[in-house]
Amino acid sequence: MDNVPKDSSERTLEDVFYPADRIPFVEWDELSGAKPTVVLTGVVALLAFVTGLSNLSQASLALNGPLAAVVDLPLPFVRFGGVLFAFILGIVTVGLQRRKRLAWRVAAVVFLGLTLLPLATFQPTDIPLLVMTLVTYPLVVRNRHRFDQSLDLSPIQIASLSAIFGVVLYGTVGAYGLRGQFLELDSWGDAVYYVVVTIATVGYGDITPVTAEARWFSLSIILFGTGAFTVAVGALIGPAIESRMATAFGVMTASELTLLEDHIVVLGYGDVTASLLEELGDETEVVVVTPDEGTVASLQGEGVNLLTGDPTDEDIFRDARVGTANGVVVGSNDDARDVLAVIATKNVNPDIRTVAAATDQKHVEKFRAVGADEVINPRSIGGRLLGQSVLGRGPTESLLTEIETDDGSNPADSE
């Protein structure tokens, strides 16, 4: 036992939670993964907005870029393109943060269009936008497989968006059909403009209905449009508000955990979980899944992600991103529930390293039988450590290896 290194227990923890064969090039991935892609997309959106404002503020915009000699870009597109792309990328950034596949597809197209603006004007203010776009686009392409979530709109959200589209279509076709009964409404563009400003209740007065039929038609657009818009705002913004309120009470939602990678998922909260969280510290992100709202409230401010749910529910595992996690710890005080949690974990991700804490020594083999990669009995280990320590048979740091050997497990198996 004297030949056992004193840091064997520390190496065992590292082998359990940070196996070397599971984290190749982790430093590079931290700089080129999903999170940096989302952040850089937001930066590009900000630069596009600044560039667009710069183009709009100039009395005359010269197209001196290399692309202007090859492609004849419309001047209004160059002027307004930066601001327009900025707003689109702002929405796309939110979608990428939630790993939406549709957001990635839109980003792939918008980035290509965004490169046209600096190459057309090639002004000093365009250079940062061009550089950031060329840096971010390869990351967007590289991480395409990580943005794999479907849009998953609820029926009321789909109905709300369809209602807005229907009102705009109805108003545009109707306004163009009645264009002879309006002042200054001559084209399809005028019809779209009139419908939008009417629904928005702006009403500049530049396009005016002059007949009773046209006025009744305009009134119908106001009623249908404002109604559809109000319902859509409630259906689309309401869930986000509920999510923020839930977070304030210590409850995370699935969308807020979508960017987690190489983290540790802790299923259940028991006697050993507090010391486990302290041991992990700031080295890796942690998600604690527990059905007890009181426990969630007590863990607020501890620097961990909290998810309220059943630790044996496979849907909760997907919300906790077990598929991209680096390891799972099953650590409540209920061995029966923990065995089910191990089974559910292996169903979701058979290859993930799973460590279980058994409160009863006789249940250790049950955990191993259902697929736990490592099983620890804290009570047995604690009692034997106390006994060995009080008899002065060696430093406690070197006793963990001896206990593992006595229990029939080989420390090398965890490597």
Protein backbone atom coordinates (compact mmCIF):
# COMPACT_ATOMS: atom_id res chain seq x y z
CA MET A 1 0.00 0.00 0.00
CA ASP A 2 2.99 2.29 0.53
CA ASN A 3 3.67 2.05 -3.20
CA VAL A 4 0.27 3.51 -4.08
CA PRO A 5 0.58 7.16 -5.19
CA LYS A 6 -1.10 9.65 -2.90
CA ASP A 7 -2.99 11.25 -5.77
CA SER A 8 -4.64 7.95 -6.82
CA SER A 9 -8.08 9.11 -5.64
CA GLU A 10 -7.73 12.31 -7.66
CA ARG A 11 -6.76 10.32 -10.75
CA THR A 12 -9.73 8.03 -10.20
CA LEU A 13 -12.09 11.01 -10.25
CA GLU A 14 -10.43 12.28 -13.41
CA ASP A 15 -10.77 8.86 -15.03
CA VAL A 16 -14.46 8.71 -14.11
CA PHE A 17 -15.48 12.17 -15.24
CA TYR A 18 -12.80 13.11 -17.75
CA PRO A 19 -11.66 9.94 -19.56
CA ALA A 20 -8.88 10.84 -21.94
CA ASP A 21 -10.35 8.99 -24.91
CA ARG A 22 -13.60 11.02 -24.70
CA ILE A 23 -12.25 14.57 -24.97
CA PRO A 24 -9.81 14.85 -27.88
CA PHE A 25 -9.09 18.42 -29.03
CA VAL A 26 -11.46 19.84 -26.41
CA GLU A 27 -9.66 23.19 -26.50
CA TRP A 28 -10.22 23.52 -30.25
CA ASP A 29 -13.85 22.48 -29.89
CA GLU A 30 -14.41 25.21 -27.31
CA LEU A 31 -13.34 27.74 -29.93
CA SER A 32 -15.19 26.25 -32.89
CA GLY A 33 -18.26 24.52 -31.45
CA ALA A 34 -21.91 25.52 -31.38
CA LYS A 35 -21.56 28.21 -28.73
CA PRO A 36 -18.85 30.23 -30.54
CA THR A 37 -20.88 29.89 -33.74
CA VAL A 38 -23.92 31.45 -32.09
CA VAL A 39 -21.86 34.24 -30.50
CA LEU A 40 -20.09 35.09 -33.76
CA THR A 41 -23.40 35.10 -35.64
CA GLY A 42 -24.68 37.68 -33.17
CA VAL A 43 -21.50 39.75 -33.71
CA VAL A 44 -22.00 39.61 -37.48
CA ALA A 45 -25.61 40.78 -37.03
CA LEU A 46 -24.39 43.76 -35.00
CA LEU A 47 -21.70 44.66 -37.57
CA ALA A 48 -24.24 44.33 -40.39
CA PHE A 49 -26.54 46.76 -38.59
CA VAL A 50 -23.72 49.29 -38.10
CA THR A 51 -22.64 48.93 -41.74
CA GLY A 52 -26.22 49.34 -42.91
CA LEU A 53 -26.64 52.54 -40.89
CA SER A 54 -23.38 53.82 -42.36
CA ASN A 55 -24.64 53.18 -45.90
CA LEU A 56 -28.00 54.82 -45.17
CA SER A 57 -26.37 57.92 -43.69
CA GLN A 58 -24.39 58.73 -46.83
CA ALA A 59 -25.93 61.15 -49.30
CA SER A 60 -24.41 59.29 -52.25
CA LEU A 61 -23.14 55.75 -51.99
CA ALA A 62 -20.37 54.77 -54.39
CA LEU A 63 -20.07 51.15 -55.50
CA ASN A 64 -16.30 50.79 -55.74
CA GLY A 65 -15.96 47.17 -54.74
CA PRO A 66 -14.67 44.37 -56.98
CA LEU A 67 -18.14 42.84 -57.23
CA ALA A 68 -19.68 46.04 -58.62
CA ALA A 69 -17.76 45.62 -61.86
CA VAL A 70 -19.13 42.10 -62.34
CA VAL A 71 -22.68 42.24 -60.94
CA ASP A 72 -24.99 45.22 -61.21
CA LEU A 73 -26.49 45.32 -57.73
CA PRO A 74 -29.48 47.62 -57.19
CA LEU A 75 -28.53 50.65 -55.12
CA PRO A 76 -31.55 50.29 -52.76
CA PHE A 77 -30.43 46.73 -51.99
CA VAL A 78 -26.96 47.95 -51.07
CA ARG A 79 -28.33 50.77 -48.94
CA PHE A 80 -30.92 48.78 -47.01
CA GLY A 81 -29.32 45.33 -47.23
CA GLY A 82 -27.14 45.69 -44.13
CA VAL A 83 -30.01 46.64 -41.82
CA LEU A 84 -32.31 44.04 -43.36
CA PHE A 85 -29.75 41.25 -42.99
CA ALA A 86 -29.02 42.40 -39.43
CA PHE A 87 -32.62 41.92 -38.36
CA ILE A 88 -32.79 38.53 -40.07
CA LEU A 89 -29.54 37.42 -38.42
CA GLY A 90 -30.83 38.62 -35.05
CA ILE A 91 -33.76 36.23 -35.34
CA VAL A 92 -31.48 33.52 -36.72
CA THR A 93 -29.15 33.90 -33.71
CA VAL A 94 -32.02 33.13 -31.36
CA GLY A 95 -32.91 30.10 -33.50
CA LEU A 96 -29.32 28.87 -33.50
CA GLN A 97 -29.19 29.22 -29.73
CA ARG A 98 -32.09 26.77 -29.63
CA ARG A 99 -30.34 24.53 -32.21
CA LYS A 100 -33.10 24.92 -34.78
CA ARG A 101 -32.39 23.34 -38.16
CA LEU A 102 -34.40 26.02 -39.97
CA ALA A 103 -32.29 28.76 -38.38
CA TRP A 104 -29.12 27.09 -39.67
CA ARG A 105 -30.51 26.89 -43.20
CA VAL A 106 -31.48 30.55 -43.17
CA ALA A 107 -28.06 31.49 -41.77
CA ALA A 108 -26.29 29.58 -44.55
CA VAL A 109 -28.17 31.62 -47.17
CA VAL A 110 -27.99 34.98 -45.39
CA PHE A 111 -24.22 34.77 -44.89
CA LEU A 112 -23.74 34.25 -48.61
CA GLY A 113 -25.90 37.28 -49.38
CA LEU A 114 -24.15 39.31 -46.70
CA THR A 115 -20.77 38.92 -48.39
CA LEU A 116 -22.14 40.79 -51.42
CA LEU A 117 -22.49 44.12 -49.60
CA PRO A 118 -18.84 44.70 -48.58
CA LEU A 119 -17.63 43.44 -51.95
CA ALA A 120 -19.91 45.94 -53.70
CA THR A 121 -19.03 49.07 -51.72
CA PHE A 122 -15.67 48.11 -50.16
CA GLN A 123 -15.57 51.03 -47.76
CA PRO A 124 -13.44 51.07 -44.58
CA THR A 125 -16.53 50.41 -42.44
CA ASP A 126 -17.26 47.26 -44.50
CA ILE A 127 -13.96 45.52 -43.76
CA PRO A 128 -14.82 44.32 -40.20
CA LEU A 129 -18.13 42.92 -41.49
CA LEU A 130 -16.39 41.11 -44.35
CA VAL A 131 -13.72 39.62 -42.07
CA MET A 132 -16.23 38.43 -39.45
CA THR A 133 -18.49 36.97 -42.12
CA LEU A 134 -15.60 35.01 -43.66
CA VAL A 135 -14.58 33.76 -40.19
CA THR A 136 -18.09 32.81 -39.05
CA TYR A 137 -19.42 31.12 -42.18
CA PRO A 138 -16.98 28.15 -42.04
CA LEU A 139 -18.01 27.58 -38.41
CA VAL A 140 -21.68 27.61 -39.43
CA VAL A 141 -20.97 24.98 -42.07
CA ARG A 142 -18.76 22.91 -39.75
CA ASN A 143 -21.38 22.75 -36.99
CA ARG A 144 -24.36 22.04 -39.22
CA HIS A 145 -24.96 18.65 -37.54
CA ARG A 146 -25.31 20.31 -34.13
CA PHE A 147 -28.31 22.38 -35.17
CA ASP A 148 -30.69 19.48 -35.56
CA GLN A 149 -33.84 20.49 -33.71
CA SER A 150 -37.12 20.83 -35.59
CA LEU A 151 -39.14 24.01 -35.25
CA ASP A 152 -41.89 22.29 -33.22
CA LEU A 153 -44.52 25.02 -33.36
CA SER A 154 -47.68 24.44 -31.38
CA PRO A 155 -51.03 24.34 -33.23
CA ILE A 156 -51.97 27.80 -31.95
CA GLN A 157 -48.63 29.23 -33.11
CA ILE A 158 -49.09 27.74 -36.57
CA ALA A 159 -52.66 29.07 -36.68
CA SER A 160 -51.48 32.55 -35.60
CA LEU A 161 -48.78 32.76 -38.26
CA SER A 162 -51.19 31.45 -40.87
CA ALA A 163 -53.74 34.10 -39.84
CA ILE A 164 -51.20 36.91 -40.28
CA PHE A 165 -50.15 35.57 -43.67
CA GLY A 166 -53.78 35.22 -44.69
CA VAL A 167 -54.65 38.79 -43.66
CA VAL A 168 -51.64 40.22 -45.54
CA LEU A 169 -52.54 38.21 -48.63
CA TYR A 170 -56.21 39.22 -48.39
CA GLY A 171 -55.33 42.87 -47.92
CA THR A 172 -52.75 42.96 -50.72
CA VAL A 173 -54.98 41.32 -53.32
CA GLY A 174 -58.02 43.33 -52.23
CA ALA A 175 -56.18 46.67 -52.18
CA TYR A 176 -54.71 46.06 -55.62
CA GLY A 177 -58.12 45.01 -56.93
CA LEU A 178 -59.68 48.22 -55.55
CA ARG A 179 -56.73 50.42 -56.54
CA GLY A 180 -59.02 52.69 -58.53
CA GLN A 181 -60.82 53.59 -55.29
CA PHE A 182 -57.61 54.66 -53.50
CA LEU A 183 -55.43 57.72 -53.94
CA GLU A 184 -51.76 56.97 -54.75
CA LEU A 185 -52.19 53.18 -54.93
CA ASP A 186 -51.07 51.99 -58.36
CA SER A 187 -48.89 48.85 -57.98
CA TRP A 188 -48.50 45.63 -56.04
CA GLY A 189 -45.75 47.30 -54.01
CA ASP A 190 -48.14 50.09 -53.05
CA ALA A 191 -50.71 47.45 -52.02
CA VAL A 192 -48.26 45.64 -49.74
CA TYR A 193 -47.09 48.92 -48.26
CA TYR A 194 -50.68 50.03 -47.56
CA VAL A 195 -51.59 46.74 -45.88
CA VAL A 196 -48.52 46.75 -43.62
CA VAL A 197 -48.93 50.35 -42.44
CA THR A 198 -52.66 49.75 -41.92
CA ILE A 199 -52.15 46.61 -39.80
CA ALA A 200 -49.43 48.42 -37.86
CA THR A 201 -51.97 51.24 -37.24
CA VAL A 202 -49.41 53.79 -38.50
CA GLY A 203 -51.53 55.23 -41.30
CA TYR A 204 -49.30 57.90 -42.86
CA GLY A 205 -52.19 59.16 -44.99
CA ASP A 206 -50.29 59.00 -48.26
CA ILE A 207 -52.64 56.27 -49.55
CA THR A 208 -56.28 57.08 -48.83
CA PRO A 209 -59.56 55.29 -49.60
CA VAL A 210 -61.98 57.58 -51.44
CA THR A 211 -65.11 55.40 -51.69
CA ALA A 212 -67.32 53.76 -49.08
CA GLU A 213 -66.37 50.31 -50.37
CA ALA A 214 -62.67 51.09 -50.02
CA ARG A 215 -63.21 52.45 -46.50
CA TRP A 216 -65.10 49.32 -45.39
CA PHE A 217 -62.33 47.22 -46.90
CA SER A 218 -59.69 49.21 -44.98
CA LEU A 219 -61.71 48.77 -41.78
CA SER A 220 -61.75 44.99 -42.29
CA ILE A 221 -57.95 44.99 -42.67
CA ILE A 222 -57.60 46.89 -39.38
CA LEU A 223 -59.89 44.52 -37.49
CA PHE A 224 -58.53 41.27 -38.93
CA GLY A 225 -54.91 42.41 -38.92
CA THR A 226 -54.72 43.76 -35.37
CA GLY A 227 -56.62 40.72 -34.08
CA ALA A 228 -54.30 38.25 -35.81
CA PHE A 229 -51.21 40.19 -34.75
CA THR A 230 -52.32 40.31 -31.10
CA VAL A 231 -52.99 36.58 -31.00
CA ALA A 232 -49.65 35.85 -32.69
CA VAL A 233 -47.74 37.95 -30.17
CA GLY A 234 -49.36 36.09 -27.30
CA ALA A 235 -48.71 32.68 -28.89
CA LEU A 236 -45.09 33.36 -29.87
CA ILE A 237 -43.89 35.62 -27.06
CA GLY A 238 -45.90 34.03 -24.25
CA PRO A 239 -43.79 30.83 -24.01
CA ALA A 240 -40.61 32.93 -23.82
CA ILE A 241 -42.06 34.96 -20.94
CA GLU A 242 -43.09 31.77 -19.16
CA SER A 243 -39.59 30.42 -19.65
CA ARG A 244 -38.03 33.53 -18.07
CA MET A 245 -40.41 33.34 -15.12
CA ALA A 246 -39.65 29.65 -14.65
CA THR A 247 -35.93 30.40 -14.64
CA ALA A 248 -36.47 33.04 -11.98
CA PHE A 249 -37.90 30.29 -9.77
CA GLY A 250 -34.97 27.97 -10.45
CA VAL A 251 -36.50 25.90 -13.24
CA MET A 252 -34.59 25.53 -16.50
CA THR A 253 -36.28 24.73 -19.80
CA ALA A 254 -35.06 22.45 -22.57
CA SER A 255 -34.39 25.35 -24.93
CA GLU A 256 -32.04 26.96 -22.38
CA LEU A 257 -29.88 23.82 -22.27
CA THR A 258 -29.58 23.22 -26.00
CA LEU A 259 -26.01 24.51 -26.32
CA LEU A 260 -24.57 22.36 -23.56
CA GLU A 261 -21.80 19.98 -24.64
CA ASP A 262 -19.29 17.81 -22.74
CA HIS A 263 -21.13 18.50 -19.49
CA ILE A 264 -22.02 16.23 -16.56
CA VAL A 265 -25.63 15.23 -15.92
CA VAL A 266 -26.49 14.45 -12.28
CA LEU A 267 -29.70 12.45 -11.93
CA GLY A 268 -31.25 12.95 -8.52
CA TYR A 269 -29.98 14.80 -5.49
CA GLY A 270 -28.81 12.77 -2.51
CA ASP A 271 -26.34 12.74 0.34
CA VAL A 272 -23.28 12.61 -1.92
CA THR A 273 -24.43 15.12 -4.54
CA ALA A 274 -23.43 18.24 -2.60
CA SER A 275 -19.81 17.09 -2.26
CA LEU A 276 -19.88 15.92 -5.88
CA LEU A 277 -20.85 19.40 -7.09
CA GLU A 278 -18.12 20.89 -4.93
CA GLU A 279 -15.56 18.49 -6.41
CA LEU A 280 -16.55 19.26 -9.99
CA GLY A 281 -16.39 22.98 -9.26
CA ASP A 282 -15.90 25.17 -12.31
CA GLU A 283 -14.08 22.53 -14.37
CA THR A 284 -17.20 21.52 -16.30
CA GLU A 285 -20.83 22.49 -16.63
CA VAL A 286 -23.30 20.43 -14.62
CA VAL A 287 -27.02 19.77 -15.05
CA VAL A 288 -28.87 18.51 -11.97
CA VAL A 289 -32.16 16.73 -12.68
CA THR A 290 -34.48 16.34 -9.69
CA PRO A 291 -38.25 16.20 -9.21
CA ASP A 292 -38.05 18.06 -5.89
CA GLU A 293 -38.79 21.77 -6.34
CA GLY A 294 -37.49 22.44 -2.83
CA THR A 295 -34.12 21.01 -3.81
CA VAL A 296 -34.10 23.15 -6.93
CA ALA A 297 -34.75 26.26 -4.85
CA SER A 298 -31.96 25.35 -2.42
CA LEU A 299 -29.44 24.92 -5.27
CA GLN A 300 -30.05 28.33 -6.79
CA GLY A 301 -26.87 30.34 -6.91
CA GLU A 302 -24.64 27.26 -6.86
CA GLY A 303 -23.56 27.74 -10.46
CA VAL A 304 -25.26 24.62 -11.84
CA ASN A 305 -28.05 24.19 -14.35
CA LEU A 306 -31.24 22.94 -12.73
CA LEU A 307 -33.92 20.92 -14.48
CA THR A 308 -37.08 19.90 -12.66
CA GLY A 309 -38.29 16.49 -13.78
CA ASP A 310 -38.29 12.74 -13.23
CA PRO A 311 -34.69 11.38 -13.33
CA THR A 312 -36.02 8.17 -14.93
CA ASP A 313 -37.89 9.91 -17.78
CA GLU A 314 -36.07 9.58 -21.10
CA ASP A 315 -37.65 12.80 -22.41
CA ILE A 316 -36.03 14.68 -19.52
CA PHE A 317 -32.70 13.11 -20.47
CA ARG A 318 -32.99 14.53 -23.96
CA ASP A 319 -33.79 17.94 -22.47
CA ALA A 320 -30.64 17.63 -20.32
CA ARG A 321 -28.63 16.88 -23.50
CA VAL A 322 -27.45 13.45 -22.36
CA GLY A 323 -26.59 12.72 -25.99
CA THR A 324 -23.82 15.35 -25.94
CA ALA A 325 -22.82 14.98 -22.27
CA ASN A 326 -19.44 13.74 -21.09
CA GLY A 327 -20.84 11.60 -18.28
CA VAL A 328 -23.83 10.85 -16.07
CA VAL A 329 -23.90 10.51 -12.29
CA VAL A 330 -26.85 8.74 -10.68
CA GLY A 331 -26.89 9.88 -7.10
CA SER A 332 -30.22 10.02 -5.27
CA ASN A 333 -30.90 8.08 -2.05
CA ASP A 334 -33.31 5.64 -3.75
CA ASP A 335 -31.49 2.65 -5.27
CA ALA A 336 -34.60 1.34 -7.03
CA ARG A 337 -35.19 4.65 -8.79
CA ASP A 338 -31.49 4.98 -9.57
CA VAL A 339 -31.42 1.57 -11.26
CA LEU A 340 -34.25 2.75 -13.52
CA ALA A 341 -32.32 5.95 -14.17
CA VAL A 342 -29.28 3.95 -15.31
CA ILE A 343 -31.45 1.88 -17.66
CA ALA A 344 -33.06 5.01 -19.12
CA THR A 345 -29.64 6.63 -19.54
CA LYS A 346 -28.29 3.71 -21.54
CA ASN A 347 -31.44 3.69 -23.68
CA VAL A 348 -30.84 7.32 -24.64
CA ASN A 349 -27.05 7.10 -25.02
CA PRO A 350 -25.57 3.58 -24.70
CA ASP A 351 -21.98 4.85 -24.96
CA ILE A 352 -22.04 7.50 -22.26
CA ARG A 353 -20.04 6.84 -19.10
CA THR A 354 -22.44 6.28 -16.20
CA VAL A 355 -21.41 6.36 -12.55
CA ALA A 356 -23.87 5.30 -9.83
CA ALA A 357 -23.85 5.73 -6.07
CA ALA A 358 -25.44 2.72 -4.30
CA THR A 359 -26.79 3.37 -0.82
CA ASP A 360 -26.79 -0.37 -0.07
CA GLN A 361 -23.86 -2.68 -0.80
CA LYS A 362 -26.15 -5.50 -1.92
CA HIS A 363 -27.41 -3.35 -4.80
CA VAL A 364 -23.98 -2.77 -6.34
CA GLU A 365 -24.22 -5.79 -8.64
CA LYS A 366 -27.70 -4.72 -9.74
CA PHE A 367 -26.31 -1.40 -10.94
CA ARG A 368 -23.54 -3.18 -12.83
CA ALA A 369 -26.03 -5.58 -14.35
CA VAL A 370 -28.08 -2.77 -15.90
CA GLY A 371 -25.04 -1.09 -17.44
CA ALA A 372 -23.44 1.24 -14.89
CA ASP A 373 -19.77 1.69 -15.79
CA GLU A 374 -18.74 2.44 -12.21
CA VAL A 375 -20.59 1.80 -8.95
CA ILE A 376 -19.62 3.39 -5.65
CA ASN A 377 -21.08 2.63 -2.23
CA PRO A 378 -20.37 5.80 -0.22
CA ARG A 379 -21.46 4.34 3.12
CA SER A 380 -19.23 1.28 2.78
CA ILE A 381 -16.28 3.33 1.60
CA GLY A 382 -16.79 5.93 4.33
CA GLY A 383 -16.99 3.35 7.09
CA ARG A 384 -13.92 1.46 5.95
CA LEU A 385 -11.95 4.69 5.53
CA LEU A 386 -12.83 5.70 9.08
CA GLY A 387 -11.77 2.29 10.39
CA GLN A 388 -8.50 2.22 8.48
CA SER A 389 -7.72 5.80 9.44
CA VAL A 390 -8.41 5.42 13.17
CA LEU A 391 -6.15 2.33 13.27
CA GLY A 392 -3.39 4.32 11.58
CA ARG A 393 -2.94 1.84 8.75
CA GLY A 394 -2.10 4.42 6.12
CA PRO A 395 -3.09 7.76 4.63
CA THR A 396 -6.74 7.91 3.57
CA GLU A 397 -5.72 9.06 0.09
CA SER A 398 -4.24 5.64 -0.64
CA LEU A 399 -7.08 3.56 0.82
CA LEU A 400 -9.55 4.04 -2.05
CA THR A 401 -7.47 1.84 -4.34
CA GLU A 402 -7.31 -0.92 -1.71
CA ILE A 403 -11.08 -0.80 -1.17
CA GLU A 404 -11.74 -1.05 -4.91
CA THR A 405 -9.45 -4.08 -5.11
CA ASP A 406 -11.19 -5.75 -2.15
CA ASP A 407 -14.60 -5.19 -3.78
CA GLY A 408 -13.43 -7.05 -6.88
CA SER A 409 -13.12 -4.08 -9.24
CA ASN A 410 -9.95 -3.00 -11.00
CA PRO A 411 -9.09 0.70 -11.05
CA ALA A 412 -7.72 0.20 -14.52
CA ASP A 413 -11.20 -0.70 -15.75
CA SER A 414 -12.23 2.94 -15.53
CA GLU A 415 -9.61 4.02 -17.99
